[in-house]
C-alpha atoms as a PDB file:
ATOM      1  CA  UNK A   1      -9.346 -45.585  16.128  1.00  0.00           C
ATOM      2  CA  UNK A   2     -11.596 -44.279  18.919  1.00  0.00           C
ATOM      3  CA  UNK A   3     -13.214 -40.856  18.690  1.00  0.00           C
ATOM      4  CA  UNK A   4     -10.867 -39.596  21.421  1.00  0.00           C
ATOM      5  CA  UNK A   5      -7.811 -40.771  19.502  1.00  0.00           C
ATOM      6  CA  UNK A   6      -9.167 -39.166  16.338  1.00  0.00           C
ATOM      7  CA  UNK A   7      -9.711 -35.827  18.079  1.00  0.00           C
ATOM      8  CA  UNK A   8      -6.296 -35.930  19.768  1.00  0.00           C
ATOM      9  CA  UNK A   9      -4.608 -36.637  16.426  1.00  0.00           C
ATOM     10  CA  UNK A  10      -6.332 -33.608  14.894  1.00  0.00           C
ATOM     11  CA  UNK A  11      -5.246 -31.411  17.831  1.00  0.00           C
ATOM     12  CA  UNK A  12      -1.645 -32.596  17.423  1.00  0.00           C
ATOM     13  CA  UNK A  13      -1.921 -31.595  13.746  1.00  0.00           C
ATOM     14  CA  UNK A  14      -2.798 -27.955  14.564  1.00  0.00           C
ATOM     15  CA  UNK A  15       0.899 -27.029  14.482  1.00  0.00           C
ATOM     16  CA  UNK A  16       1.111 -27.610  10.740  1.00  0.00           C
ATOM     17  CA  UNK A  17      -1.189 -24.732   9.736  1.00  0.00           C
ATOM     18  CA  UNK A  18      -1.123 -20.942   9.650  1.00  0.00           C
ATOM     19  CA  UNK A  19      -4.196 -18.730   9.863  1.00  0.00           C
ATOM     20  CA  UNK A  20      -4.584 -15.061   8.969  1.00  0.00           C
ATOM     21  CA  UNK A  21      -6.863 -13.284  11.453  1.00  0.00           C
ATOM     22  CA  UNK A  22      -8.060  -9.884  10.274  1.00  0.00           C
ATOM     23  CA  UNK A  23     -10.372  -7.612  12.185  1.00  0.00           C
ATOM     24  CA  UNK A  24     -10.634  -5.221  15.106  1.00  0.00           C
ATOM     25  CA  UNK A  25      -7.650  -5.335  17.450  1.00  0.00           C
ATOM     26  CA  UNK A  26      -8.475  -4.417  21.043  1.00  0.00           C
ATOM     27  CA  UNK A  27      -6.341  -4.021  24.155  1.00  0.00           C
ATOM     28  CA  UNK A  28      -8.142  -4.957  27.362  1.00  0.00           C
ATOM     29  CA  UNK A  29      -6.815  -3.012  30.353  1.00  0.00           C
ATOM     30  CA  UNK A  30      -7.677  -4.030  33.922  1.00  0.00           C
ATOM     31  CA  UNK A  31      -7.085  -1.638  36.813  1.00  0.00           C
ATOM     32  CA  UNK A  32      -7.231  -3.525  40.116  1.00  0.00           C
ATOM     33  CA  UNK A  33      -7.636  -2.110  43.590  1.00  0.00           C
ATOM     34  CA  UNK A  34      -9.516  -1.925  46.856  1.00  0.00           C
ATOM     35  CA  UNK A  35     -12.810  -0.040  47.148  1.00  0.00           C
ATOM     36  CA  UNK A  36     -13.726   0.338  50.813  1.00  0.00           C
ATOM     37  CA  UNK A  37     -15.027   3.906  50.967  1.00  0.00           C
ATOM     38  CA  UNK A  38     -17.162   6.400  49.080  1.00  0.00           C
ATOM     39  CA  UNK A  39     -15.865   9.607  47.575  1.00  0.00           C
ATOM     40  CA  UNK A  40     -16.736  12.814  49.495  1.00  0.00           C
ATOM     41  CA  UNK A  41     -17.268  14.465  46.103  1.00  0.00           C
ATOM     42  CA  UNK A  42     -20.016  12.129  44.857  1.00  0.00           C
ATOM     43  CA  UNK A  43     -21.776   8.893  45.970  1.00  0.00           C
ATOM     44  CA  UNK A  44     -19.286   6.665  44.126  1.00  0.00           C
ATOM     45  CA  UNK A  45     -16.646   4.238  45.419  1.00  0.00           C
ATOM     46  CA  UNK A  46     -12.981   5.240  45.513  1.00  0.00           C
ATOM     47  CA  UNK A  47     -10.659   2.650  43.984  1.00  0.00           C
ATOM     48  CA  UNK A  48      -7.235   2.478  45.641  1.00  0.00           C
ATOM     49  CA  UNK A  49      -5.226   1.161  42.689  1.00  0.00           C
ATOM     50  CA  UNK A  50      -2.562  -1.493  43.282  1.00  0.00           C
ATOM     51  CA  UNK A  51      -2.187  -3.293  39.946  1.00  0.00           C
ATOM     52  CA  UNK A  52      -2.562  -2.913  36.174  1.00  0.00           C
ATOM     53  CA  UNK A  53      -2.891  -5.841  33.771  1.00  0.00           C
ATOM     54  CA  UNK A  54      -3.230  -6.012  29.994  1.00  0.00           C
ATOM     55  CA  UNK A  55      -4.811  -8.745  27.849  1.00  0.00           C
ATOM     56  CA  UNK A  56      -5.290  -9.151  24.102  1.00  0.00           C
ATOM     57  CA  UNK A  57      -8.889  -8.520  23.044  1.00  0.00           C
ATOM     58  CA  UNK A  58     -11.008  -8.649  19.899  1.00  0.00           C
ATOM     59  CA  UNK A  59      -9.245 -10.086  16.866  1.00  0.00           C
ATOM     60  CA  UNK A  60      -6.007 -10.166  18.871  1.00  0.00           C
ATOM     61  CA  UNK A  61      -7.578 -12.602  21.337  1.00  0.00           C
ATOM     62  CA  UNK A  62      -8.665 -14.824  18.437  1.00  0.00           C
ATOM     63  CA  UNK A  63      -5.091 -14.792  17.118  1.00  0.00           C
ATOM     64  CA  UNK A  64      -3.787 -15.573  20.597  1.00  0.00           C
ATOM     65  CA  UNK A  65      -6.149 -18.550  20.912  1.00  0.00           C
ATOM     66  CA  UNK A  66      -4.909 -19.948  17.611  1.00  0.00           C
ATOM     67  CA  UNK A  67      -1.325 -19.572  18.814  1.00  0.00           C
ATOM     68  CA  UNK A  68      -1.901 -21.165  22.233  1.00  0.00           C
ATOM     69  CA  UNK A  69      -3.772 -24.048  20.569  1.00  0.00           C
ATOM     70  CA  UNK A  70      -0.563 -24.767  18.700  1.00  0.00           C
ATOM     71  CA  UNK A  71      -1.261 -23.183  15.315  1.00  0.00           C
ATOM     72  CA  UNK A  72       0.692 -20.447  13.557  1.00  0.00           C
ATOM     73  CA  UNK A  73      -1.010 -17.098  13.073  1.00  0.00           C
ATOM     74  CA  UNK A  74      -0.667 -13.730  11.372  1.00  0.00           C
ATOM     75  CA  UNK A  75      -2.732 -10.849  12.778  1.00  0.00           C
ATOM     76  CA  UNK A  76      -4.010  -8.028  10.555  1.00  0.00           C
ATOM     77  CA  UNK A  77      -5.708  -4.918  11.875  1.00  0.00           C
ATOM     78  CA  UNK A  78      -5.167  -1.272  12.661  1.00  0.00           C
ATOM     79  CA  UNK A  79      -3.697   0.344  15.772  1.00  0.00           C
ATOM     80  CA  UNK A  80      -2.541   3.819  16.660  1.00  0.00           C
ATOM     81  CA  UNK A  81       0.936   5.190  17.180  1.00  0.00           C
ATOM     82  CA  UNK A  82       0.517   5.419  20.935  1.00  0.00           C
ATOM     83  CA  UNK A  83       1.460   3.796  24.238  1.00  0.00           C
ATOM     84  CA  UNK A  84      -1.386   1.265  23.920  1.00  0.00           C
ATOM     85  CA  UNK A  85      -0.023  -0.027  20.619  1.00  0.00           C
ATOM     86  CA  UNK A  86       3.407  -0.336  22.240  1.00  0.00           C
ATOM     87  CA  UNK A  87       1.857  -2.496  24.959  1.00  0.00           C
ATOM     88  CA  UNK A  88       0.148  -4.588  22.269  1.00  0.00           C
ATOM     89  CA  UNK A  89       3.455  -4.956  20.403  1.00  0.00           C
ATOM     90  CA  UNK A  90       5.054  -6.237  23.573  1.00  0.00           C
ATOM     91  CA  UNK A  91       2.363  -8.867  24.221  1.00  0.00           C
ATOM     92  CA  UNK A  92       2.092  -9.984  20.578  1.00  0.00           C
ATOM     93  CA  UNK A  93       5.865 -10.381  20.305  1.00  0.00           C
ATOM     94  CA  UNK A  94       5.991 -12.375  23.541  1.00  0.00           C
ATOM     95  CA  UNK A  95       3.236 -14.655  22.214  1.00  0.00           C
ATOM     96  CA  UNK A  96       4.983 -15.245  18.851  1.00  0.00           C
ATOM     97  CA  UNK A  97       2.189 -13.718  16.757  1.00  0.00           C
ATOM     98  CA  UNK A  98       3.123 -12.476  13.270  1.00  0.00           C
ATOM     99  CA  UNK A  99       2.354  -8.734  13.121  1.00  0.00           C
ATOM    100  CA  UNK A 100       3.517  -8.043   9.550  1.00  0.00           C
ATOM    101  CA  UNK A 101      -0.054  -7.228   8.441  1.00  0.00           C
ATOM    102  CA  UNK A 102      -0.829  -4.748  11.237  1.00  0.00           C
ATOM    103  CA  UNK A 103      -1.112  -1.118  10.096  1.00  0.00           C
ATOM    104  CA  UNK A 104      -0.267   1.758  12.438  1.00  0.00           C
ATOM    105  CA  UNK A 105      -2.217   4.982  11.948  1.00  0.00           C
ATOM    106  CA  UNK A 106      -1.354   8.084  13.960  1.00  0.00           C
ATOM    107  CA  UNK A 107      -4.814   9.522  13.252  1.00  0.00           C
ATOM    108  CA  UNK A 108      -6.633   6.502  14.708  1.00  0.00           C
ATOM    109  CA  UNK A 109      -5.974   5.601  18.359  1.00  0.00           C
ATOM    110  CA  UNK A 110      -5.615   2.005  19.453  1.00  0.00           C
ATOM    111  CA  UNK A 111      -8.943   0.629  20.682  1.00  0.00           C
ATOM    112  CA  UNK A 112      -8.691   0.060  24.430  1.00  0.00           C
ATOM    113  CA  UNK A 113     -11.305  -1.123  26.916  1.00  0.00           C
ATOM    114  CA  UNK A 114     -10.506  -0.265  30.523  1.00  0.00           C
ATOM    115  CA  UNK A 115     -12.185  -2.002  33.445  1.00  0.00           C
ATOM    116  CA  UNK A 116     -11.932  -0.942  37.083  1.00  0.00           C
ATOM    117  CA  UNK A 117     -12.017  -4.064  39.261  1.00  0.00           C
ATOM    118  CA  UNK A 118     -12.191  -4.357  43.072  1.00  0.00           C
ATOM    119  CA  UNK A 119     -10.272  -6.936  45.114  1.00  0.00           C
ATOM    120  CA  UNK A 120     -13.350  -9.229  45.148  1.00  0.00           C
ATOM    121  CA  UNK A 121     -13.504  -9.183  41.302  1.00  0.00           C
ATOM    122  CA  UNK A 122     -16.452  -6.780  41.223  1.00  0.00           C
ATOM    123  CA  UNK A 123     -16.371  -4.537  38.138  1.00  0.00           C
ATOM    124  CA  UNK A 124     -17.072  -0.922  39.030  1.00  0.00           C
ATOM    125  CA  UNK A 125     -17.110   0.539  35.536  1.00  0.00           C
ATOM    126  CA  UNK A 126     -15.795   0.047  32.010  1.00  0.00           C
ATOM    127  CA  UNK A 127     -14.799   2.840  29.671  1.00  0.00           C
ATOM    128  CA  UNK A 128     -13.804   2.533  26.014  1.00  0.00           C
ATOM    129  CA  UNK A 129     -11.432   4.670  23.967  1.00  0.00           C
ATOM    130  CA  UNK A 130     -12.001   4.043  20.288  1.00  0.00           C
ATOM    131  CA  UNK A 131     -12.903   5.332  16.839  1.00  0.00           C
ATOM    132  CA  UNK A 132     -15.499   3.184  15.063  1.00  0.00           C
ATOM    133  CA  UNK A 133     -15.530   4.991  11.706  1.00  0.00           C
ATOM    134  CA  UNK A 134     -14.818   2.779   8.708  1.00  0.00           C
ATOM    135  CA  UNK A 135     -11.210   2.746   7.563  1.00  0.00           C
ATOM    136  CA  UNK A 136     -10.362   4.707   4.430  1.00  0.00           C
ATOM    137  CA  UNK A 137     -10.152   3.262   0.921  1.00  0.00           C
ATOM    138  CA  UNK A 138      -6.396   3.863   1.053  1.00  0.00           C
ATOM    139  CA  UNK A 139      -6.105   1.729   4.194  1.00  0.00           C
ATOM    140  CA  UNK A 140      -8.276  -0.963   2.606  1.00  0.00           C
ATOM    141  CA  UNK A 141      -5.879  -1.144  -0.321  1.00  0.00           C
ATOM    142  CA  UNK A 142      -2.889  -1.360   2.015  1.00  0.00           C
ATOM    143  CA  UNK A 143      -4.488  -4.335   3.787  1.00  0.00           C
ATOM    144  CA  UNK A 144      -5.219  -6.063   0.475  1.00  0.00           C
ATOM    145  CA  UNK A 145      -1.631  -5.457  -0.676  1.00  0.00           C
ATOM    146  CA  UNK A 146      -0.113  -6.932   2.484  1.00  0.00           C
ATOM    147  CA  UNK A 147      -2.437  -9.913   2.539  1.00  0.00           C
ATOM    148  CA  UNK A 148      -1.905 -10.583  -1.161  1.00  0.00           C
ATOM    149  CA  UNK A 149       1.831 -10.744  -0.439  1.00  0.00           C
ATOM    150  CA  UNK A 150       1.204 -13.229   2.403  1.00  0.00           C
ATOM    151  CA  UNK A 151      -1.586 -15.356   0.911  1.00  0.00           C
ATOM    152  CA  UNK A 152       0.613 -18.264  -0.168  1.00  0.00           C
ATOM    153  CA  UNK A 153       1.986 -18.652   3.367  1.00  0.00           C
ATOM    154  CA  UNK A 154      -1.421 -19.002   5.041  1.00  0.00           C
ATOM    155  CA  UNK A 155      -4.016 -21.778   4.973  1.00  0.00           C
ATOM    156  CA  UNK A 156      -7.210 -19.974   6.040  1.00  0.00           C
ATOM    157  CA  UNK A 157      -8.554 -16.442   6.513  1.00  0.00           C
ATOM    158  CA  UNK A 158     -10.594 -15.649   9.608  1.00  0.00           C
ATOM    159  CA  UNK A 159     -12.639 -12.426   9.691  1.00  0.00           C
ATOM    160  CA  UNK A 160     -13.009 -11.335  13.317  1.00  0.00           C
ATOM    161  CA  UNK A 161     -15.520  -8.474  13.271  1.00  0.00           C
ATOM    162  CA  UNK A 162     -16.164  -6.331  16.353  1.00  0.00           C
ATOM    163  CA  UNK A 163     -17.798  -3.428  14.462  1.00  0.00           C
ATOM    164  CA  UNK A 164     -14.880  -1.058  15.009  1.00  0.00           C
ATOM    165  CA  UNK A 165     -14.528  -0.157  11.328  1.00  0.00           C
ATOM    166  CA  UNK A 166     -11.809  -2.435   9.926  1.00  0.00           C
ATOM    167  CA  UNK A 167     -13.955  -5.001   8.105  1.00  0.00           C
ATOM    168  CA  UNK A 168     -15.748  -2.678   5.708  1.00  0.00           C
ATOM    169  CA  UNK A 169     -18.094  -4.209   3.102  1.00  0.00           C
ATOM    170  CA  UNK A 170     -15.566  -3.567   0.349  1.00  0.00           C
ATOM    171  CA  UNK A 171     -12.572  -5.000   2.234  1.00  0.00           C
ATOM    172  CA  UNK A 172     -14.538  -8.053   3.391  1.00  0.00           C
ATOM    173  CA  UNK A 173     -15.636  -8.864  -0.146  1.00  0.00           C
ATOM    174  CA  UNK A 174     -12.153  -8.296  -1.577  1.00  0.00           C
ATOM    175  CA  UNK A 175     -10.688 -10.668   1.004  1.00  0.00           C
ATOM    176  CA  UNK A 176     -13.295 -13.338   0.264  1.00  0.00           C
ATOM    177  CA  UNK A 177     -12.579 -13.045  -3.475  1.00  0.00           C
ATOM    178  CA  UNK A 178      -8.827 -13.246  -2.856  1.00  0.00           C
ATOM    179  CA  UNK A 179      -9.263 -16.315  -0.675  1.00  0.00           C
ATOM    180  CA  UNK A 180     -11.427 -18.060  -3.256  1.00  0.00           C
ATOM    181  CA  UNK A 181      -8.899 -17.292  -5.975  1.00  0.00           C
ATOM    182  CA  UNK A 182      -6.213 -19.022  -3.912  1.00  0.00           C
ATOM    183  CA  UNK A 183      -8.553 -21.775  -2.658  1.00  0.00           C
ATOM    184  CA  UNK A 184      -8.372 -20.748   1.006  1.00  0.00           C
ATOM    185  CA  UNK A 185     -11.387 -21.157   3.334  1.00  0.00           C
ATOM    186  CA  UNK A 186     -12.859 -18.018   4.921  1.00  0.00           C
ATOM    187  CA  UNK A 187     -14.468 -18.209   8.358  1.00  0.00           C
ATOM    188  CA  UNK A 188     -16.429 -15.316   9.859  1.00  0.00           C
ATOM    189  CA  UNK A 189     -17.239 -14.278  13.406  1.00  0.00           C
ATOM    190  CA  UNK A 190     -19.811 -11.619  12.482  1.00  0.00           C
ATOM    191  CA  UNK A 191     -21.154  -8.408  13.985  1.00  0.00           C
ATOM    192  CA  UNK A 192     -23.603  -5.733  12.919  1.00  0.00           C
ATOM    193  CA  UNK A 193     -26.950  -5.637  11.152  1.00  0.00           C
ATOM    194  CA  UNK A 194     -25.885  -6.222   7.551  1.00  0.00           C
ATOM    195  CA  UNK A 195     -24.289  -9.592   6.823  1.00  0.00           C
ATOM    196  CA  UNK A 196     -24.157  -9.077   3.055  1.00  0.00           C
ATOM    197  CA  UNK A 197     -20.470  -8.152   3.299  1.00  0.00           C
ATOM    198  CA  UNK A 198     -19.768 -11.777   4.334  1.00  0.00           C
ATOM    199  CA  UNK A 199     -21.481 -13.221   1.262  1.00  0.00           C
ATOM    200  CA  UNK A 200     -19.554 -16.075  -0.301  1.00  0.00           C
ATOM    201  CA  UNK A 201     -17.581 -17.022   2.819  1.00  0.00           C
ATOM    202  CA  UNK A 202     -17.088 -20.659   3.788  1.00  0.00           C
ATOM    203  CA  UNK A 203     -18.613 -20.618   7.255  1.00  0.00           C
ATOM    204  CA  UNK A 204     -20.152 -18.081   9.632  1.00  0.00           C
ATOM    205  CA  UNK A 205     -20.752 -18.405  13.392  1.00  0.00           C
ATOM    206  CA  UNK A 206     -23.349 -15.913  14.696  1.00  0.00           C
ATOM    207  CA  UNK A 207     -25.129 -16.427  17.995  1.00  0.00           C
ATOM    208  CA  UNK A 208     -28.887 -16.795  18.036  1.00  0.00           C
ATOM    209  CA  UNK A 209     -29.651 -13.104  18.620  1.00  0.00           C
ATOM    210  CA  UNK A 210     -27.216 -12.033  15.902  1.00  0.00           C
ATOM    211  CA  UNK A 211     -28.788 -14.470  13.444  1.00  0.00           C
ATOM    212  CA  UNK A 212     -32.293 -13.196  14.267  1.00  0.00           C
ATOM    213  CA  UNK A 213     -31.176  -9.597  13.775  1.00  0.00           C
ATOM    214  CA  UNK A 214     -29.293 -10.241  10.538  1.00  0.00           C
ATOM    215  CA  UNK A 215     -32.202 -12.136   8.967  1.00  0.00           C
ATOM    216  CA  UNK A 216     -34.836  -9.744  10.376  1.00  0.00           C
ATOM    217  CA  UNK A 217     -36.519 -12.704  12.053  1.00  0.00           C
ATOM    218  CA  UNK A 218     -38.804 -12.269  15.068  1.00  0.00           C
ATOM    219  CA  UNK A 219     -37.452 -13.114  18.506  1.00  0.00           C
ATOM    220  CA  UNK A 220     -37.879 -16.795  19.300  1.00  0.00           C
ATOM    221  CA  UNK A 221     -37.551 -17.980  15.690  1.00  0.00           C
ATOM    222  CA  UNK A 222     -36.488 -21.621  15.681  1.00  0.00           C
ATOM    223  CA  UNK A 223     -32.705 -21.916  15.155  1.00  0.00           C
ATOM    224  CA  UNK A 224     -33.354 -24.525  12.422  1.00  0.00           C
ATOM    225  CA  UNK A 225     -35.049 -21.771  10.433  1.00  0.00           C
ATOM    226  CA  UNK A 226     -32.360 -19.192  11.241  1.00  0.00           C
ATOM    227  CA  UNK A 227     -29.467 -21.294   9.902  1.00  0.00           C
ATOM    228  CA  UNK A 228     -31.317 -21.904   6.634  1.00  0.00           C
ATOM    229  CA  UNK A 229     -32.105 -18.208   6.199  1.00  0.00           C
ATOM    230  CA  UNK A 230     -28.517 -17.149   6.849  1.00  0.00           C
ATOM    231  CA  UNK A 231     -27.177 -19.700   4.370  1.00  0.00           C
ATOM    232  CA  UNK A 232     -29.666 -18.767   1.663  1.00  0.00           C
ATOM    233  CA  UNK A 233     -29.139 -15.022   2.044  1.00  0.00           C
ATOM    234  CA  UNK A 234     -25.330 -15.165   1.980  1.00  0.00           C
ATOM    235  CA  UNK A 235     -24.591 -18.155  -0.294  1.00  0.00           C
ATOM    236  CA  UNK A 236     -22.368 -19.741   2.337  1.00  0.00           C
ATOM    237  CA  UNK A 237     -21.112 -23.309   2.443  1.00  0.00           C
ATOM    238  CA  UNK A 238     -21.958 -23.801   6.128  1.00  0.00           C
ATOM    239  CA  UNK A 239     -23.662 -21.957   8.968  1.00  0.00           C
ATOM    240  CA  UNK A 240     -23.237 -22.523  12.699  1.00  0.00           C
ATOM    241  CA  UNK A 241     -25.503 -20.728  15.172  1.00  0.00           C
ATOM    242  CA  UNK A 242     -24.343 -20.764  18.781  1.00  0.00           C
ATOM    243  CA  UNK A 243     -27.136 -21.334  21.287  1.00  0.00           C
ATOM    244  CA  UNK A 244     -25.464 -20.672  24.639  1.00  0.00           C
ATOM    245  CA  UNK A 245     -26.179 -23.442  27.128  1.00  0.00           C
ATOM    246  CA  UNK A 246     -27.993 -25.358  24.350  1.00  0.00           C
ATOM    247  CA  UNK A 247     -24.775 -25.794  22.354  1.00  0.00           C
ATOM    248  CA  UNK A 248     -24.376 -25.230  18.608  1.00  0.00           C
ATOM    249  CA  UNK A 249     -26.564 -25.873  15.572  1.00  0.00           C
ATOM    250  CA  UNK A 250     -24.827 -26.651  12.268  1.00  0.00           C
ATOM    251  CA  UNK A 251     -26.452 -26.438   8.841  1.00  0.00           C
ATOM    252  CA  UNK A 252     -24.695 -28.751   6.380  1.00  0.00           C
ATOM    253  CA  UNK A 253     -25.821 -30.407   3.144  1.00  0.00           C
ATOM    254  CA  UNK A 254     -29.427 -29.291   3.630  1.00  0.00           C
ATOM    255  CA  UNK A 255     -29.629 -30.775   7.135  1.00  0.00           C
ATOM    256  CA  UNK A 256     -29.150 -29.506  10.669  1.00  0.00           C
ATOM    257  CA  UNK A 257     -27.088 -31.090  13.421  1.00  0.00           C
ATOM    258  CA  UNK A 258     -27.027 -29.918  17.020  1.00  0.00           C
ATOM    259  CA  UNK A 259     -24.437 -30.696  19.660  1.00  0.00           C
ATOM    260  CA  UNK A 260     -24.950 -29.724  23.313  1.00  0.00           C
ATOM    261  CA  UNK A 261     -22.647 -27.483  25.319  1.00  0.00           C
ATOM    262  CA  UNK A 262     -19.907 -29.552  26.922  1.00  0.00           C
ATOM    263  CA  UNK A 263     -19.708 -27.989  30.370  1.00  0.00           C
ATOM    264  CA  UNK A 264     -21.982 -27.157  33.279  1.00  0.00           C
ATOM    265  CA  UNK A 265     -19.229 -25.171  35.050  1.00  0.00           C
ATOM    266  CA  UNK A 266     -19.767 -21.739  33.551  1.00  0.00           C
ATOM    267  CA  UNK A 267     -17.828 -19.000  35.331  1.00  0.00           C
ATOM    268  CA  UNK A 268     -17.468 -16.394  32.579  1.00  0.00           C
ATOM    269  CA  UNK A 269     -18.578 -16.434  28.921  1.00  0.00           C
ATOM    270  CA  UNK A 270     -16.166 -13.606  27.993  1.00  0.00           C
ATOM    271  CA  UNK A 271     -14.091 -14.677  24.998  1.00  0.00           C
ATOM    272  CA  UNK A 272     -15.842 -18.025  24.550  1.00  0.00           C
ATOM    273  CA  UNK A 273     -16.795 -17.110  20.985  1.00  0.00           C
ATOM    274  CA  UNK A 274     -13.153 -16.347  20.207  1.00  0.00           C
ATOM    275  CA  UNK A 275     -12.084 -19.760  21.507  1.00  0.00           C
ATOM    276  CA  UNK A 276     -14.903 -21.415  19.562  1.00  0.00           C
ATOM    277  CA  UNK A 277     -13.985 -20.018  16.159  1.00  0.00           C
ATOM    278  CA  UNK A 278     -10.254 -20.474  16.797  1.00  0.00           C
ATOM    279  CA  UNK A 279     -10.807 -24.154  17.514  1.00  0.00           C
ATOM    280  CA  UNK A 280     -13.103 -24.559  14.510  1.00  0.00           C
ATOM    281  CA  UNK A 281     -10.593 -22.875  12.182  1.00  0.00           C
ATOM    282  CA  UNK A 282      -7.638 -25.047  13.149  1.00  0.00           C
ATOM    283  CA  UNK A 283      -9.738 -28.201  13.270  1.00  0.00           C
ATOM    284  CA  UNK A 284     -11.141 -27.538   9.787  1.00  0.00           C
ATOM    285  CA  UNK A 285      -7.601 -27.510   8.424  1.00  0.00           C
ATOM    286  CA  UNK A 286      -6.209 -30.309  10.583  1.00  0.00           C
ATOM    287  CA  UNK A 287      -9.144 -32.646   9.817  1.00  0.00           C
ATOM    288  CA  UNK A 288      -8.947 -32.053   6.056  1.00  0.00           C
ATOM    289  CA  UNK A 289     -12.249 -30.157   5.967  1.00  0.00           C
ATOM    290  CA  UNK A 290     -14.435 -32.226   8.313  1.00  0.00           C
ATOM    291  CA  UNK A 291     -16.930 -29.565   9.394  1.00  0.00           C
ATOM    292  CA  UNK A 292     -18.761 -31.699  11.955  1.00  0.00           C
ATOM    293  CA  UNK A 293     -15.549 -32.676  13.739  1.00  0.00           C
ATOM    294  CA  UNK A 294     -14.448 -29.028  13.595  1.00  0.00           C
ATOM    295  CA  UNK A 295     -17.689 -27.967  15.271  1.00  0.00           C
ATOM    296  CA  UNK A 296     -17.132 -30.594  17.970  1.00  0.00           C
ATOM    297  CA  UNK A 297     -13.583 -29.440  18.721  1.00  0.00           C
ATOM    298  CA  UNK A 298     -14.588 -25.763  18.628  1.00  0.00           C
ATOM    299  CA  UNK A 299     -17.352 -26.557  21.085  1.00  0.00           C
ATOM    300  CA  UNK A 300     -14.820 -28.176  23.416  1.00  0.00           C
ATOM    301  CA  UNK A 301     -12.555 -25.115  23.148  1.00  0.00           C
ATOM    302  CA  UNK A 302     -15.466 -22.859  24.143  1.00  0.00           C
ATOM    303  CA  UNK A 303     -16.171 -25.248  27.020  1.00  0.00           C
ATOM    304  CA  UNK A 304     -12.659 -24.652  28.322  1.00  0.00           C
ATOM    305  CA  UNK A 305     -12.978 -20.865  27.947  1.00  0.00           C
ATOM    306  CA  UNK A 306     -16.183 -20.525  29.992  1.00  0.00           C
ATOM    307  CA  UNK A 307     -14.520 -22.266  32.934  1.00  0.00           C
ATOM    308  CA  UNK A 308     -12.068 -19.374  33.235  1.00  0.00           C
ATOM    309  CA  UNK A 309     -12.485 -15.794  34.419  1.00  0.00           C
ATOM    310  CA  UNK A 310     -11.981 -13.063  31.806  1.00  0.00           C
ATOM    311  CA  UNK A 311     -10.718 -13.152  28.245  1.00  0.00           C
ATOM    312  CA  UNK A 312      -8.418 -16.166  28.053  1.00  0.00           C
ATOM    313  CA  UNK A 313      -6.732 -18.504  25.583  1.00  0.00           C
ATOM    314  CA  UNK A 314      -7.016 -22.302  25.380  1.00  0.00           C
ATOM    315  CA  UNK A 315      -4.135 -24.788  25.203  1.00  0.00           C
ATOM    316  CA  UNK A 316      -4.009 -28.282  23.608  1.00  0.00           C
ATOM    317  CA  UNK A 317      -3.537 -29.784  27.093  1.00  0.00           C
ATOM    318  CA  UNK A 318      -6.725 -28.109  28.343  1.00  0.00           C
ATOM    319  CA  UNK A 319      -8.587 -29.126  25.180  1.00  0.00           C
ATOM    320  CA  UNK A 320      -7.582 -32.769  25.558  1.00  0.00           C
ATOM    321  CA  UNK A 321      -8.443 -32.697  29.265  1.00  0.00           C
ATOM    322  CA  UNK A 322     -12.004 -31.480  28.707  1.00  0.00           C
ATOM    323  CA  UNK A 323     -12.491 -34.100  25.973  1.00  0.00           C
ATOM    324  CA  UNK A 324     -11.391 -36.854  28.375  1.00  0.00           C
ATOM    325  CA  UNK A 325     -13.580 -35.412  31.125  1.00  0.00           C
ATOM    326  CA  UNK A 326     -16.611 -35.243  28.846  1.00  0.00           C
ATOM    327  CA  UNK A 327     -16.133 -38.810  27.604  1.00  0.00           C
ATOM    328  CA  UNK A 328     -15.785 -40.017  31.203  1.00  0.00           C
ATOM    329  CA  UNK A 329     -18.974 -38.199  32.249  1.00  0.00           C
ATOM    330  CA  UNK A 330     -20.890 -39.713  29.318  1.00  0.00           C
ATOM    331  CA  UNK A 331     -19.636 -43.211  30.165  1.00  0.00           C
ATOM    332  CA  UNK A 332     -20.664 -42.819  33.798  1.00  0.00           C
ATOM    333  CA  UNK A 333     -24.077 -41.537  32.758  1.00  0.00           C
ATOM    334  CA  UNK A 334     -24.536 -44.558  30.442  1.00  0.00           C
ATOM    335  CA  UNK A 335     -23.671 -46.976  33.276  1.00  0.00           C
ATOM    336  CA  UNK A 336     -26.194 -45.326  35.594  1.00  0.00           C
ATOM    337  CA  UNK A 337     -29.107 -45.574  33.146  1.00  0.00           C
END
């Protein structure tokens, strides 16, 4: 079996697994219009609005990527009892995402990021409406209760942290303990300065800057050192550090392995990390725990995402296409040597 056939078989196997994504749910709002004049009130452009669009963001975008890649997904997080949560409900329902573990809190508004965009795709401004305080102990217990009731129906837990207060240290550790008890892998897309709350997880995927910050390493520290420090500090099974245009570095069995980025056509890196960890999560299950293959497929998924504008989701067709394209490019390069 060729490597392409092996990867395609794994992708076709995505449909057999269900992932629980828990973290910070965000609604991305885009207000589109034409800006051809300045306001007489202040030296700022006037946007003549002609369209509104709404896209899943944060942990919801991760869940959406898992769904569009063919997997099954349950999303857990907290939203308000407001019009933004109604819009989220509408999109999540349309995309067949299980929302049984989402908690609605009338005291905590839905996190929404609004961007004002001109007709030539120039962003004028972004404003955020959110509360970033940590959720209460009562809400933590409600999450644990709901996830405990669902644990036998899921195959992996993915912590999608955007530092909006859902993944508290206590909740993160309780989820990792619960997953270990039921022999479920835990993958983490981290944020913040203190990574101790992720201790004991299966795999973590910080970028280079995040890894430097979390390990208190000076800027420019070699990524080979960073992955070792993260693993040692958190007692993880595996660590992947994303390196932008230089690809990904994996630390496994005391060794490092680097794979390059798969695309030179970078239009927008927004959401690439979500596509990466979504692809890794499904591939880890569909390949029966092959971490290196999972990293490869996640890297391809990120390669698809950066070729699109805005926060987007990746499909199996797109994933297979970029694999074929990459193999073709490598074969042509080998012939020309």
